[in-house]
């Protein structure tokens, strides 16, 4: 009888441990998946930024990266392009402002 109870306790412990391990793996997978940017959205914001730069900047600019706001640090955009102004060397962001519904940049505040 003692041996049967001991086997049951060990089996219960193993089941509990495996359940917790599976929960942990699912949690880690979900977190890492949510932290990765969507390539289609990056492409979309890059195209929007290129149009915005042509329209609003006479001097040469270069898009060198896309920023994904995965931690929610900025409330007004999810994706932004990182741009460098060739003449001044100023690095700034160009993004679609979710609150105003328009493309905006941070050139003056970064200059």
N, C-alpha and C. Protein backbone atom coordinates (compact mmCIF):
# COMPACT_ATOMS: atom_id res chain seq x y z
N UNK A 1 0.81 -1.19 0.00
CA UNK A 1 0.00 0.00 0.00
C UNK A 1 0.87 1.27 0.00
N UNK A 2 1.91 1.29 0.81
CA UNK A 2 2.80 2.45 0.84
C UNK A 2 3.46 2.68 -0.52
N UNK A 3 3.83 1.58 -1.19
CA UNK A 3 4.49 1.67 -2.50
C UNK A 3 3.53 2.23 -3.55
N UNK A 4 2.27 1.83 -3.49
CA UNK A 4 1.28 2.34 -4.44
C UNK A 4 1.06 3.83 -4.25
N UNK A 5 0.98 4.27 -3.02
CA UNK A 5 0.79 5.69 -2.72
C UNK A 5 2.01 6.50 -3.18
N UNK A 6 3.19 5.95 -2.99
CA UNK A 6 4.41 6.60 -3.41
C UNK A 6 4.45 6.75 -4.93
N UNK A 7 4.05 5.73 -5.67
CA UNK A 7 4.00 5.80 -7.14
C UNK A 7 3.01 6.86 -7.60
N UNK A 8 1.87 6.92 -6.93
CA UNK A 8 0.85 7.92 -7.28
C UNK A 8 1.38 9.34 -7.04
N UNK A 9 2.06 9.54 -5.93
CA UNK A 9 2.63 10.86 -5.63
C UNK A 9 3.68 11.27 -6.67
N UNK A 10 4.51 10.31 -7.05
CA UNK A 10 5.54 10.60 -8.06
C UNK A 10 4.88 10.91 -9.40
N UNK A 11 3.85 10.15 -9.76
CA UNK A 11 3.13 10.38 -11.02
C UNK A 11 2.45 11.75 -10.99
N UNK A 12 1.82 12.10 -9.87
CA UNK A 12 1.18 13.41 -9.75
C UNK A 12 2.20 14.53 -9.88
N UNK A 13 3.36 14.36 -9.26
CA UNK A 13 4.41 15.38 -9.35
C UNK A 13 4.90 15.54 -10.79
N UNK A 14 5.11 14.44 -11.48
CA UNK A 14 5.57 14.50 -12.88
C UNK A 14 4.52 15.18 -13.74
N UNK A 15 3.25 14.84 -13.56
CA UNK A 15 2.19 15.49 -14.33
C UNK A 15 2.14 16.98 -14.06
N UNK A 16 2.25 17.37 -12.80
CA UNK A 16 2.26 18.78 -12.44
C UNK A 16 3.44 19.51 -13.08
N UNK A 17 4.62 18.90 -12.97
CA UNK A 17 5.83 19.51 -13.54
C UNK A 17 5.70 19.66 -15.06
N UNK A 18 5.22 18.65 -15.75
CA UNK A 18 5.08 18.73 -17.21
C UNK A 18 4.04 19.78 -17.61
N UNK A 19 2.96 19.87 -16.85
CA UNK A 19 1.94 20.89 -17.13
C UNK A 19 2.54 22.29 -16.98
N UNK A 20 3.27 22.52 -15.91
CA UNK A 20 3.88 23.84 -15.70
C UNK A 20 4.93 24.15 -16.76
N UNK A 21 5.69 23.14 -17.15
CA UNK A 21 6.70 23.32 -18.19
C UNK A 21 6.04 23.70 -19.51
N UNK A 22 4.95 23.03 -19.87
CA UNK A 22 4.24 23.35 -21.12
C UNK A 22 3.69 24.77 -21.08
N UNK A 23 3.15 25.18 -19.95
CA UNK A 23 2.66 26.56 -19.81
C UNK A 23 3.79 27.56 -20.00
N UNK A 24 4.92 27.28 -19.42
CA UNK A 24 6.07 28.17 -19.55
C UNK A 24 6.52 28.27 -21.00
N UNK A 25 6.60 27.15 -21.70
CA UNK A 25 7.02 27.14 -23.11
C UNK A 25 6.03 27.95 -23.96
N UNK A 26 4.75 27.78 -23.72
CA UNK A 26 3.74 28.54 -24.48
C UNK A 26 3.86 30.03 -24.19
N UNK A 27 4.09 30.38 -22.94
CA UNK A 27 4.24 31.78 -22.56
C UNK A 27 5.46 32.40 -23.25
N UNK A 28 6.59 31.72 -23.23
CA UNK A 28 7.81 32.23 -23.87
C UNK A 28 7.61 32.35 -25.38
N UNK A 29 7.00 31.36 -25.99
CA UNK A 29 6.74 31.40 -27.43
C UNK A 29 5.84 32.58 -27.79
N UNK A 30 4.78 32.78 -27.04
CA UNK A 30 3.85 33.88 -27.30
C UNK A 30 4.55 35.23 -27.16
N UNK A 31 5.37 35.36 -26.14
CA UNK A 31 6.07 36.62 -25.91
C UNK A 31 7.04 36.93 -27.05
N UNK A 32 7.84 35.95 -27.44
CA UNK A 32 8.82 36.20 -28.50
C UNK A 32 8.12 36.46 -29.83
N UNK A 33 7.01 35.81 -30.08
CA UNK A 33 6.26 36.03 -31.33
C UNK A 33 5.71 37.46 -31.37
N UNK A 34 5.22 37.95 -30.24
CA UNK A 34 4.65 39.30 -30.21
C UNK A 34 5.72 40.39 -30.32
N UNK A 35 6.98 40.07 -30.07
CA UNK A 35 8.05 41.05 -30.12
C UNK A 35 8.64 41.21 -31.51
N UNK A 36 8.28 40.33 -32.44
CA UNK A 36 8.82 40.40 -33.79
C UNK A 36 7.94 41.25 -34.68
N UNK A 37 8.57 42.05 -35.51
CA UNK A 37 7.84 42.93 -36.43
C UNK A 37 7.28 42.15 -37.61
N UNK A 38 6.21 42.70 -38.17
CA UNK A 38 5.58 42.12 -39.35
C UNK A 38 6.26 42.69 -40.59
N UNK A 39 6.87 41.85 -41.44
CA UNK A 39 7.59 42.35 -42.63
C UNK A 39 6.69 43.14 -43.58
N UNK A 40 5.43 42.76 -43.69
CA UNK A 40 4.51 43.50 -44.57
C UNK A 40 4.26 44.91 -44.05
N UNK A 41 4.10 45.04 -42.74
CA UNK A 41 3.91 46.37 -42.16
C UNK A 41 5.16 47.23 -42.30
N UNK A 42 6.32 46.62 -42.16
CA UNK A 42 7.58 47.35 -42.34
C UNK A 42 7.68 47.88 -43.77
N UNK A 43 7.33 47.04 -44.73
CA UNK A 43 7.37 47.44 -46.14
C UNK A 43 6.38 48.59 -46.39
N UNK A 44 5.20 48.48 -45.81
CA UNK A 44 4.16 49.50 -45.99
C UNK A 44 4.61 50.86 -45.44
N UNK A 45 5.18 50.86 -44.23
CA UNK A 45 5.60 52.13 -43.63
C UNK A 45 6.80 52.71 -44.36
N UNK A 46 7.65 51.86 -44.91
CA UNK A 46 8.79 52.33 -45.69
C UNK A 46 8.32 53.05 -46.96
N UNK A 47 7.33 52.49 -47.63
CA UNK A 47 6.78 53.11 -48.84
C UNK A 47 6.12 54.45 -48.50
N UNK A 48 5.33 54.48 -47.42
CA UNK A 48 4.69 55.72 -46.99
C UNK A 48 5.73 56.79 -46.66
N UNK A 49 6.80 56.39 -46.00
CA UNK A 49 7.84 57.34 -45.61
C UNK A 49 8.58 57.88 -46.82
N UNK A 50 8.85 57.02 -47.80
CA UNK A 50 9.51 57.48 -49.03
C UNK A 50 8.69 58.55 -49.72
N UNK A 51 7.38 58.35 -49.81
CA UNK A 51 6.50 59.36 -50.42
C UNK A 51 6.52 60.65 -49.60
N UNK A 52 6.47 60.53 -48.29
CA UNK A 52 6.48 61.69 -47.40
C UNK A 52 7.78 62.48 -47.56
N UNK A 53 8.90 61.78 -47.62
CA UNK A 53 10.20 62.45 -47.74
C UNK A 53 10.33 63.18 -49.06
N UNK A 54 9.87 62.57 -50.14
CA UNK A 54 9.92 63.23 -51.46
C UNK A 54 9.08 64.50 -51.44
N UNK A 55 7.94 64.43 -50.80
CA UNK A 55 7.01 65.56 -50.76
C UNK A 55 7.49 66.69 -49.84
N UNK A 56 8.14 66.35 -48.72
CA UNK A 56 8.43 67.35 -47.69
C UNK A 56 9.89 67.75 -47.53
N UNK A 57 10.82 67.05 -48.15
CA UNK A 57 12.24 67.37 -47.99
C UNK A 57 12.88 67.54 -49.37
N UNK A 58 13.48 68.72 -49.57
CA UNK A 58 14.16 68.96 -50.84
C UNK A 58 15.55 68.33 -50.84
N UNK A 59 16.22 68.35 -49.70
CA UNK A 59 17.56 67.76 -49.59
C UNK A 59 17.46 66.24 -49.53
N UNK A 60 18.59 65.59 -49.79
CA UNK A 60 18.61 64.13 -49.79
C UNK A 60 18.46 63.57 -48.39
N UNK A 61 17.68 62.51 -48.31
CA UNK A 61 17.50 61.77 -47.07
C UNK A 61 17.66 60.29 -47.37
N UNK A 62 17.96 59.52 -46.32
CA UNK A 62 18.16 58.08 -46.51
C UNK A 62 17.42 57.32 -45.40
N UNK A 63 16.56 56.39 -45.80
CA UNK A 63 15.91 55.51 -44.83
C UNK A 63 16.89 54.38 -44.55
N UNK A 64 17.25 54.22 -43.28
CA UNK A 64 18.25 53.19 -42.98
C UNK A 64 17.71 52.06 -42.10
N UNK A 65 16.48 52.21 -41.57
CA UNK A 65 15.93 51.13 -40.75
C UNK A 65 14.46 51.41 -40.47
N UNK A 66 13.78 50.39 -39.93
CA UNK A 66 12.39 50.54 -39.50
C UNK A 66 12.32 50.19 -38.02
N UNK A 67 11.65 51.04 -37.25
CA UNK A 67 11.48 50.84 -35.82
C UNK A 67 10.10 50.26 -35.56
N UNK A 68 10.06 49.12 -34.85
CA UNK A 68 8.80 48.52 -34.44
C UNK A 68 8.58 48.85 -32.97
N UNK A 69 7.51 49.53 -32.66
CA UNK A 69 7.20 49.96 -31.30
C UNK A 69 6.53 48.82 -30.54
N UNK A 70 7.27 47.74 -30.33
CA UNK A 70 6.69 46.54 -29.74
C UNK A 70 6.42 46.66 -28.24
N UNK A 71 7.02 47.60 -27.58
CA UNK A 71 6.80 47.77 -26.14
C UNK A 71 5.78 48.87 -25.83
N UNK A 72 5.27 49.54 -26.87
CA UNK A 72 4.27 50.57 -26.67
C UNK A 72 4.81 51.85 -26.05
N UNK A 73 6.08 52.15 -26.28
CA UNK A 73 6.69 53.36 -25.71
C UNK A 73 6.10 54.64 -26.32
N UNK A 74 5.74 54.58 -27.57
CA UNK A 74 5.13 55.74 -28.24
C UNK A 74 3.67 55.39 -28.53
N UNK A 75 2.76 56.21 -28.03
CA UNK A 75 1.34 55.91 -28.16
C UNK A 75 0.78 56.23 -29.54
N UNK A 76 1.51 56.99 -30.34
CA UNK A 76 0.94 57.45 -31.59
C UNK A 76 1.43 56.72 -32.83
N UNK A 77 2.29 55.73 -32.71
CA UNK A 77 2.65 54.92 -33.88
C UNK A 77 3.09 53.52 -33.46
N UNK A 78 2.95 52.60 -34.42
CA UNK A 78 3.40 51.23 -34.18
C UNK A 78 4.71 50.96 -34.93
N UNK A 79 4.82 51.52 -36.14
CA UNK A 79 6.03 51.39 -36.96
C UNK A 79 6.48 52.78 -37.38
N UNK A 80 7.79 52.98 -37.43
CA UNK A 80 8.36 54.24 -37.90
C UNK A 80 9.64 53.94 -38.66
N UNK A 81 9.93 54.75 -39.67
CA UNK A 81 11.19 54.58 -40.38
C UNK A 81 12.24 55.48 -39.75
N UNK A 82 13.45 54.97 -39.67
CA UNK A 82 14.59 55.76 -39.20
C UNK A 82 15.24 56.37 -40.43
N UNK A 83 15.39 57.68 -40.40
CA UNK A 83 15.87 58.42 -41.57
C UNK A 83 17.07 59.26 -41.17
N UNK A 84 18.00 59.41 -42.12
CA UNK A 84 19.15 60.29 -41.91
C UNK A 84 19.14 61.36 -42.99
N UNK A 85 19.24 62.62 -42.55
CA UNK A 85 19.31 63.74 -43.48
C UNK A 85 20.75 63.86 -43.94
N UNK A 86 20.97 63.77 -45.25
CA UNK A 86 22.34 63.73 -45.79
C UNK A 86 23.10 65.03 -45.53
N UNK A 87 22.44 66.17 -45.69
CA UNK A 87 23.13 67.46 -45.58
C UNK A 87 23.52 67.77 -44.13
N UNK A 88 22.61 67.57 -43.19
CA UNK A 88 22.85 67.94 -41.79
C UNK A 88 23.32 66.77 -40.93
N UNK A 89 23.14 65.55 -41.42
CA UNK A 89 23.52 64.37 -40.64
C UNK A 89 22.55 64.06 -39.51
N UNK A 90 21.41 64.72 -39.51
CA UNK A 90 20.41 64.53 -38.46
C UNK A 90 19.66 63.22 -38.67
N UNK A 91 19.54 62.43 -37.60
CA UNK A 91 18.75 61.20 -37.65
C UNK A 91 17.39 61.48 -37.01
N UNK A 92 16.33 61.05 -37.68
CA UNK A 92 14.98 61.32 -37.19
C UNK A 92 14.03 60.21 -37.63
N UNK A 93 12.81 60.26 -37.12
CA UNK A 93 11.79 59.27 -37.44
C UNK A 93 10.73 59.85 -38.36
N UNK A 94 10.19 59.01 -39.23
CA UNK A 94 9.03 59.35 -40.03
C UNK A 94 8.01 58.24 -39.78
N UNK A 95 6.78 58.62 -39.44
CA UNK A 95 5.78 57.62 -39.05
C UNK A 95 4.37 58.10 -39.37
N UNK A 96 3.44 57.16 -39.40
CA UNK A 96 2.03 57.47 -39.55
C UNK A 96 1.46 57.63 -38.15
N UNK A 97 0.99 58.84 -37.84
CA UNK A 97 0.43 59.13 -36.52
C UNK A 97 -0.99 58.57 -36.45
N UNK A 98 -1.19 57.60 -35.57
CA UNK A 98 -2.50 56.96 -35.44
C UNK A 98 -3.56 57.92 -34.91
N UNK A 99 -3.16 58.92 -34.13
CA UNK A 99 -4.12 59.87 -33.56
C UNK A 99 -4.60 60.90 -34.58
N UNK A 100 -3.68 61.42 -35.40
CA UNK A 100 -4.05 62.45 -36.38
C UNK A 100 -4.40 61.88 -37.74
N UNK A 101 -3.95 60.65 -38.02
CA UNK A 101 -4.22 60.04 -39.32
C UNK A 101 -3.34 60.58 -40.43
N UNK A 102 -2.18 61.17 -40.08
CA UNK A 102 -1.28 61.75 -41.07
C UNK A 102 0.17 61.29 -40.82
N UNK A 103 0.97 61.40 -41.87
CA UNK A 103 2.41 61.13 -41.74
C UNK A 103 3.06 62.32 -41.04
N UNK A 104 4.02 62.03 -40.15
CA UNK A 104 4.73 63.07 -39.43
C UNK A 104 6.20 62.69 -39.31
N UNK A 105 7.03 63.66 -38.90
CA UNK A 105 8.44 63.38 -38.68
C UNK A 105 8.92 64.10 -37.42
N UNK A 106 10.09 63.70 -36.96
CA UNK A 106 10.68 64.30 -35.76
C UNK A 106 11.92 65.11 -36.11
N UNK A 107 12.02 65.57 -37.36
CA UNK A 107 13.24 66.25 -37.83
C UNK A 107 13.58 67.48 -36.99
N UNK A 108 12.60 68.37 -36.77
CA UNK A 108 12.90 69.62 -36.05
C UNK A 108 13.27 69.36 -34.59
N UNK A 109 12.63 68.39 -33.96
CA UNK A 109 12.95 68.12 -32.55
C UNK A 109 14.28 67.40 -32.40
N UNK A 110 14.76 66.74 -33.45
CA UNK A 110 16.04 66.03 -33.39
C UNK A 110 17.21 66.90 -33.83
N UNK A 111 16.92 67.95 -34.58
CA UNK A 111 17.97 68.79 -35.17
C UNK A 111 18.74 69.55 -34.13
